[in-house]
Amino acid sequence: MAEKKSTKSFILRVDSDTMDAIEAWAADEFRSTNGQLQWIITEALRKAKRLPKKRIPKTEEE
């Protein structure tokens, strides 16, 4: 059975010029603004090698 991911909500304050740029980028990539922000954050964490290691699920045979 796949592990269910949970999400947390939070308020993010971004200046209007930055938000306009994020919204335009999201539209170019056919993503929602929220999806674009999640992608940006995930990519930054991946490049910085800060993402947690993925767990390999144990099979019933082990």
PDB file of N, CA and C in Angstrom:
ATOM      1  N   MET A   1       0.844  -1.188   0.000  1.00  0.00           N
ATOM      2  CA  MET A   1       0.000   0.000   0.000  1.00  0.00           C
ATOM      3  C   MET A   1       0.885   1.247   0.000  1.00  0.00           C
ATOM      4  N   ALA A   2       0.579   2.216  -0.833  1.00  0.00           N
ATOM      5  CA  ALA A   2       1.377   3.433  -0.933  1.00  0.00           C
ATOM      6  C   ALA A   2       1.166   4.307   0.295  1.00  0.00           C
ATOM      7  N   GLU A   3       2.234   4.986   0.682  1.00  0.00           N
ATOM      8  CA  GLU A   3       2.155   5.878   1.829  1.00  0.00           C
ATOM      9  C   GLU A   3       1.425   7.152   1.420  1.00  0.00           C
ATOM     10  N   LYS A   4       0.470   7.575   2.223  1.00  0.00           N
ATOM     11  CA  LYS A   4      -0.313   8.763   1.924  1.00  0.00           C
ATOM     12  C   LYS A   4       0.449  10.013   2.356  1.00  0.00           C
ATOM     13  N   LYS A   5       0.594  10.972   1.440  1.00  0.00           N
ATOM     14  CA  LYS A   5       1.278  12.217   1.762  1.00  0.00           C
ATOM     15  C   LYS A   5       0.283  13.180   2.392  1.00  0.00           C
ATOM     16  N   SER A   6       0.713  13.875   3.410  1.00  0.00           N
ATOM     17  CA  SER A   6      -0.139  14.898   3.999  1.00  0.00           C
ATOM     18  C   SER A   6       0.394  16.263   3.566  1.00  0.00           C
ATOM     19  N   THR A   7      -0.477  17.211   3.514  1.00  0.00           N
ATOM     20  CA  THR A   7      -0.070  18.570   3.153  1.00  0.00           C
ATOM     21  C   THR A   7      -0.405  19.506   4.295  1.00  0.00           C
ATOM     22  N   LYS A   8       0.363  20.571   4.375  1.00  0.00           N
ATOM     23  CA  LYS A   8       0.120  21.598   5.379  1.00  0.00           C
ATOM     24  C   LYS A   8      -0.131  22.912   4.664  1.00  0.00           C
ATOM     25  N   SER A   9      -1.059  23.669   5.180  1.00  0.00           N
ATOM     26  CA  SER A   9      -1.374  24.981   4.625  1.00  0.00           C
ATOM     27  C   SER A   9      -0.660  26.052   5.434  1.00  0.00           C
ATOM     28  N   PHE A  10      -0.240  27.111   4.746  1.00  0.00           N
ATOM     29  CA  PHE A  10       0.354  28.249   5.433  1.00  0.00           C
ATOM     30  C   PHE A  10       0.187  29.489   4.570  1.00  0.00           C
ATOM     31  N   ILE A  11       0.285  30.620   5.188  1.00  0.00           N
ATOM     32  CA  ILE A  11       0.160  31.892   4.483  1.00  0.00           C
ATOM     33  C   ILE A  11       1.548  32.332   4.045  1.00  0.00           C
ATOM     34  N   LEU A  12       1.651  32.741   2.789  1.00  0.00           N
ATOM     35  CA  LEU A  12       2.913  33.222   2.243  1.00  0.00           C
ATOM     36  C   LEU A  12       2.700  34.628   1.710  1.00  0.00           C
ATOM     37  N   ARG A  13       3.476  35.556   2.192  1.00  0.00           N
ATOM     38  CA  ARG A  13       3.384  36.932   1.701  1.00  0.00           C
ATOM     39  C   ARG A  13       4.460  37.137   0.637  1.00  0.00           C
ATOM     40  N   VAL A  14       4.025  37.555  -0.545  1.00  0.00           N
ATOM     41  CA  VAL A  14       4.921  37.768  -1.676  1.00  0.00           C
ATOM     42  C   VAL A  14       4.588  39.124  -2.283  1.00  0.00           C
ATOM     43  N   ASP A  15       5.627  39.880  -2.634  1.00  0.00           N
ATOM     44  CA  ASP A  15       5.342  41.191  -3.225  1.00  0.00           C
ATOM     45  C   ASP A  15       4.667  41.005  -4.587  1.00  0.00           C
ATOM     46  N   SER A  16       3.955  42.008  -5.025  1.00  0.00           N
ATOM     47  CA  SER A  16       3.102  41.871  -6.209  1.00  0.00           C
ATOM     48  C   SER A  16       3.895  41.591  -7.482  1.00  0.00           C
ATOM     49  N   ASP A  17       5.080  42.162  -7.645  1.00  0.00           N
ATOM     50  CA  ASP A  17       5.881  41.895  -8.843  1.00  0.00           C
ATOM     51  C   ASP A  17       6.313  40.426  -8.891  1.00  0.00           C
ATOM     52  N   THR A  18       6.721  39.889  -7.745  1.00  0.00           N
ATOM     53  CA  THR A  18       7.122  38.478  -7.680  1.00  0.00           C
ATOM     54  C   THR A  18       5.918  37.587  -7.955  1.00  0.00           C
ATOM     55  N   MET A  19       4.778  37.920  -7.382  1.00  0.00           N
ATOM     56  CA  MET A  19       3.569  37.115  -7.592  1.00  0.00           C
ATOM     57  C   MET A  19       3.152  37.150  -9.050  1.00  0.00           C
ATOM     58  N   ASP A  20       3.244  38.310  -9.690  1.00  0.00           N
ATOM     59  CA  ASP A  20       2.915  38.411 -11.116  1.00  0.00           C
ATOM     60  C   ASP A  20       3.824  37.501 -11.939  1.00  0.00           C
ATOM     61  N   ALA A  21       5.107  37.464 -11.597  1.00  0.00           N
ATOM     62  CA  ALA A  21       6.065  36.617 -12.310  1.00  0.00           C
ATOM     63  C   ALA A  21       5.750  35.138 -12.092  1.00  0.00           C
ATOM     64  N   ILE A  22       5.401  34.771 -10.866  1.00  0.00           N
ATOM     65  CA  ILE A  22       5.055  33.374 -10.560  1.00  0.00           C
ATOM     66  C   ILE A  22       3.791  32.964 -11.308  1.00  0.00           C
ATOM     67  N   GLU A  23       2.792  33.829 -11.322  1.00  0.00           N
ATOM     68  CA  GLU A  23       1.544  33.522 -12.024  1.00  0.00           C
ATOM     69  C   GLU A  23       1.771  33.365 -13.525  1.00  0.00           C
ATOM     70  N   ALA A  24       2.604  34.220 -14.109  1.00  0.00           N
ATOM     71  CA  ALA A  24       2.905  34.117 -15.544  1.00  0.00           C
ATOM     72  C   ALA A  24       3.663  32.829 -15.844  1.00  0.00           C
ATOM     73  N   TRP A  25       4.630  32.487 -14.978  1.00  0.00           N
ATOM     74  CA  TRP A  25       5.404  31.262 -15.147  1.00  0.00           C
ATOM     75  C   TRP A  25       4.489  30.050 -15.035  1.00  0.00           C
ATOM     76  N   ALA A  26       3.575  30.080 -14.058  1.00  0.00           N
ATOM     77  CA  ALA A  26       2.627  28.982 -13.883  1.00  0.00           C
ATOM     78  C   ALA A  26       1.766  28.816 -15.135  1.00  0.00           C
ATOM     79  N   ALA A  27       1.292  29.914 -15.682  1.00  0.00           N
ATOM     80  CA  ALA A  27       0.465  29.846 -16.893  1.00  0.00           C
ATOM     81  C   ALA A  27       1.270  29.261 -18.055  1.00  0.00           C
ATOM     82  N   ASP A  28       2.525  29.650 -18.183  1.00  0.00           N
ATOM     83  CA  ASP A  28       3.386  29.120 -19.248  1.00  0.00           C
ATOM     84  C   ASP A  28       3.586  27.615 -19.119  1.00  0.00           C
ATOM     85  N   GLU A  29       3.596  27.113 -17.888  1.00  0.00           N
ATOM     86  CA  GLU A  29       3.833  25.694 -17.608  1.00  0.00           C
ATOM     87  C   GLU A  29       2.531  24.901 -17.443  1.00  0.00           C
ATOM     88  N   PHE A  30       1.383  25.568 -17.674  1.00  0.00           N
ATOM     89  CA  PHE A  30       0.059  24.950 -17.515  1.00  0.00           C
ATOM     90  C   PHE A  30      -0.133  24.379 -16.112  1.00  0.00           C
ATOM     91  N   ARG A  31       0.328  25.143 -15.104  1.00  0.00           N
ATOM     92  CA  ARG A  31       0.143  24.758 -13.702  1.00  0.00           C
ATOM     93  C   ARG A  31      -0.676  25.841 -13.001  1.00  0.00           C
ATOM     94  N   SER A  32      -1.237  25.463 -11.858  1.00  0.00           N
ATOM     95  CA  SER A  32      -1.860  26.469 -11.005  1.00  0.00           C
ATOM     96  C   SER A  32      -0.734  27.240 -10.321  1.00  0.00           C
ATOM     97  N   THR A  33      -1.058  28.383  -9.777  1.00  0.00           N
ATOM     98  CA  THR A  33      -0.053  29.156  -9.049  1.00  0.00           C
ATOM     99  C   THR A  33       0.450  28.350  -7.857  1.00  0.00           C
ATOM    100  N   ASN A  34      -0.449  27.685  -7.142  1.00  0.00           N
ATOM    101  CA  ASN A  34      -0.050  26.857  -6.006  1.00  0.00           C
ATOM    102  C   ASN A  34       0.863  25.716  -6.465  1.00  0.00           C
ATOM    103  N   GLY A  35       0.496  25.074  -7.559  1.00  0.00           N
ATOM    104  CA  GLY A  35       1.320  23.996  -8.099  1.00  0.00           C
ATOM    105  C   GLY A  35       2.701  24.488  -8.503  1.00  0.00           C
ATOM    106  N   GLN A  36       2.757  25.686  -9.062  1.00  0.00           N
ATOM    107  CA  GLN A  36       4.047  26.258  -9.462  1.00  0.00           C
ATOM    108  C   GLN A  36       4.915  26.533  -8.235  1.00  0.00           C
ATOM    109  N   LEU A  37       4.320  27.084  -7.200  1.00  0.00           N
ATOM    110  CA  LEU A  37       5.077  27.346  -5.968  1.00  0.00           C
ATOM    111  C   LEU A  37       5.578  26.047  -5.354  1.00  0.00           C
ATOM    112  N   GLN A  38       4.750  25.008  -5.355  1.00  0.00           N
ATOM    113  CA  GLN A  38       5.194  23.705  -4.840  1.00  0.00           C
ATOM    114  C   GLN A  38       6.363  23.169  -5.665  1.00  0.00           C
ATOM    115  N   TRP A  39       6.281  23.307  -6.974  1.00  0.00           N
ATOM    116  CA  TRP A  39       7.350  22.839  -7.858  1.00  0.00           C
ATOM    117  C   TRP A  39       8.648  23.617  -7.614  1.00  0.00           C
ATOM    118  N   ILE A  40       8.536  24.944  -7.488  1.00  0.00           N
ATOM    119  CA  ILE A  40       9.717  25.792  -7.240  1.00  0.00           C
ATOM    120  C   ILE A  40      10.396  25.372  -5.932  1.00  0.00           C
ATOM    121  N   ILE A  41       9.609  25.190  -4.892  1.00  0.00           N
ATOM    122  CA  ILE A  41      10.154  24.814  -3.584  1.00  0.00           C
ATOM    123  C   ILE A  41      10.792  23.430  -3.648  1.00  0.00           C
ATOM    124  N   THR A  42      10.101  22.479  -4.278  1.00  0.00           N
ATOM    125  CA  THR A  42      10.643  21.118  -4.385  1.00  0.00           C
ATOM    126  C   THR A  42      11.947  21.111  -5.168  1.00  0.00           C
ATOM    127  N   GLU A  43      12.009  21.845  -6.269  1.00  0.00           N
ATOM    128  CA  GLU A  43      13.234  21.912  -7.071  1.00  0.00           C
ATOM    129  C   GLU A  43      14.386  22.535  -6.289  1.00  0.00           C
ATOM    130  N   ALA A  44      14.094  23.597  -5.538  1.00  0.00           N
ATOM    131  CA  ALA A  44      15.138  24.236  -4.727  1.00  0.00           C
ATOM    132  C   ALA A  44      15.658  23.266  -3.667  1.00  0.00           C
ATOM    133  N   LEU A  45      14.759  22.535  -3.020  1.00  0.00           N
ATOM    134  CA  LEU A  45      15.170  21.546  -2.017  1.00  0.00           C
ATOM    135  C   LEU A  45      15.964  20.407  -2.647  1.00  0.00           C
ATOM    136  N   ARG A  46      15.541  19.952  -3.827  1.00  0.00           N
ATOM    137  CA  ARG A  46      16.247  18.879  -4.520  1.00  0.00           C
ATOM    138  C   ARG A  46      17.667  19.314  -4.894  1.00  0.00           C
ATOM    139  N   LYS A  47      17.802  20.520  -5.451  1.00  0.00           N
ATOM    140  CA  LYS A  47      19.119  21.026  -5.861  1.00  0.00           C
ATOM    141  C   LYS A  47      20.040  21.227  -4.665  1.00  0.00           C
ATOM    142  N   ALA A  48      19.469  21.598  -3.526  1.00  0.00           N
ATOM    143  CA  ALA A  48      20.259  21.793  -2.304  1.00  0.00           C
ATOM    144  C   ALA A  48      20.479  20.483  -1.553  1.00  0.00           C
ATOM    145  N   LYS A  49      19.953  19.384  -2.107  1.00  0.00           N
ATOM    146  CA  LYS A  49      20.039  18.061  -1.476  1.00  0.00           C
ATOM    147  C   LYS A  49      19.463  18.080  -0.059  1.00  0.00           C
ATOM    148  N   ARG A  50      18.315  18.716   0.054  1.00  0.00           N
ATOM    149  CA  ARG A  50      17.624  18.847   1.338  1.00  0.00           C
ATOM    150  C   ARG A  50      16.339  18.048   1.420  1.00  0.00           C
ATOM    151  N   LEU A  51      15.978  17.358   0.340  1.00  0.00           N
ATOM    152  CA  LEU A  51      14.767  16.536   0.391  1.00  0.00           C
ATOM    153  C   LEU A  51      15.042  15.285   1.201  1.00  0.00           C
ATOM    154  N   PRO A  52      14.070  14.837   1.987  1.00  0.00           N
ATOM    155  CA  PRO A  52      14.273  13.590   2.734  1.00  0.00           C
ATOM    156  C   PRO A  52      14.410  12.422   1.765  1.00  0.00           C
ATOM    157  N   LYS A  53      15.190  11.439   2.163  1.00  0.00           N
ATOM    158  CA  LYS A  53      15.367  10.246   1.337  1.00  0.00           C
ATOM    159  C   LYS A  53      14.048   9.491   1.274  1.00  0.00           C
ATOM    160  N   LYS A  54      13.734   8.967   0.104  1.00  0.00           N
ATOM    161  CA  LYS A  54      12.500   8.196  -0.061  1.00  0.00           C
ATOM    162  C   LYS A  54      12.683   6.826   0.558  1.00  0.00           C
ATOM    163  N   ARG A  55      11.675   6.396   1.283  1.00  0.00           N
ATOM    164  CA  ARG A  55      11.692   5.073   1.902  1.00  0.00           C
ATOM    165  C   ARG A  55      11.319   4.035   0.867  1.00  0.00           C
ATOM    166  N   ILE A  56      12.012   2.932   0.886  1.00  0.00           N
ATOM    167  CA  ILE A  56      11.674   1.816   0.023  1.00  0.00           C
ATOM    168  C   ILE A  56      10.738   0.904   0.815  1.00  0.00           C
ATOM    169  N   PRO A  57       9.490   0.760   0.348  1.00  0.00           N
ATOM    170  CA  PRO A  57       8.535  -0.064   1.109  1.00  0.00           C
ATOM    171  C   PRO A  57       8.998  -1.528   1.129  1.00  0.00           C
ATOM    172  N   LYS A  58       8.814  -2.139   2.272  1.00  0.00           N
ATOM    173  CA  LYS A  58       9.140  -3.560   2.416  1.00  0.00           C
ATOM    174  C   LYS A  58       8.049  -4.381   1.766  1.00  0.00           C
ATOM    175  N   THR A  59       8.440  -5.437   1.103  1.00  0.00           N
ATOM    176  CA  THR A  59       7.456  -6.339   0.523  1.00  0.00           C
ATOM    177  C   THR A  59       7.073  -7.389   1.552  1.00  0.00           C
ATOM    178  N   GLU A  60       5.994  -8.074   1.304  1.00  0.00           N
ATOM    179  CA  GLU A  60       5.545  -9.109   2.240  1.00  0.00           C
ATOM    180  C   GLU A  60       6.518 -10.280   2.291  1.00  0.00           C
ATOM    181  N   GLU A  61       7.317 -10.428   1.237  1.00  0.00           N
ATOM    182  CA  GLU A  61       8.255 -11.535   1.162  1.00  0.00           C
ATOM    183  C   GLU A  61       9.462 -11.357   2.086  1.00  0.00           C
ATOM    184  N   GLU A  62       9.749 -10.137   2.464  1.00  0.00           N
ATOM    185  CA  GLU A  62      10.939  -9.857   3.293  1.00  0.00           C
ATOM    186  C   GLU A  62      10.683 -10.163   4.749  1.00  0.00           C
TER     187      GLU A  62
END
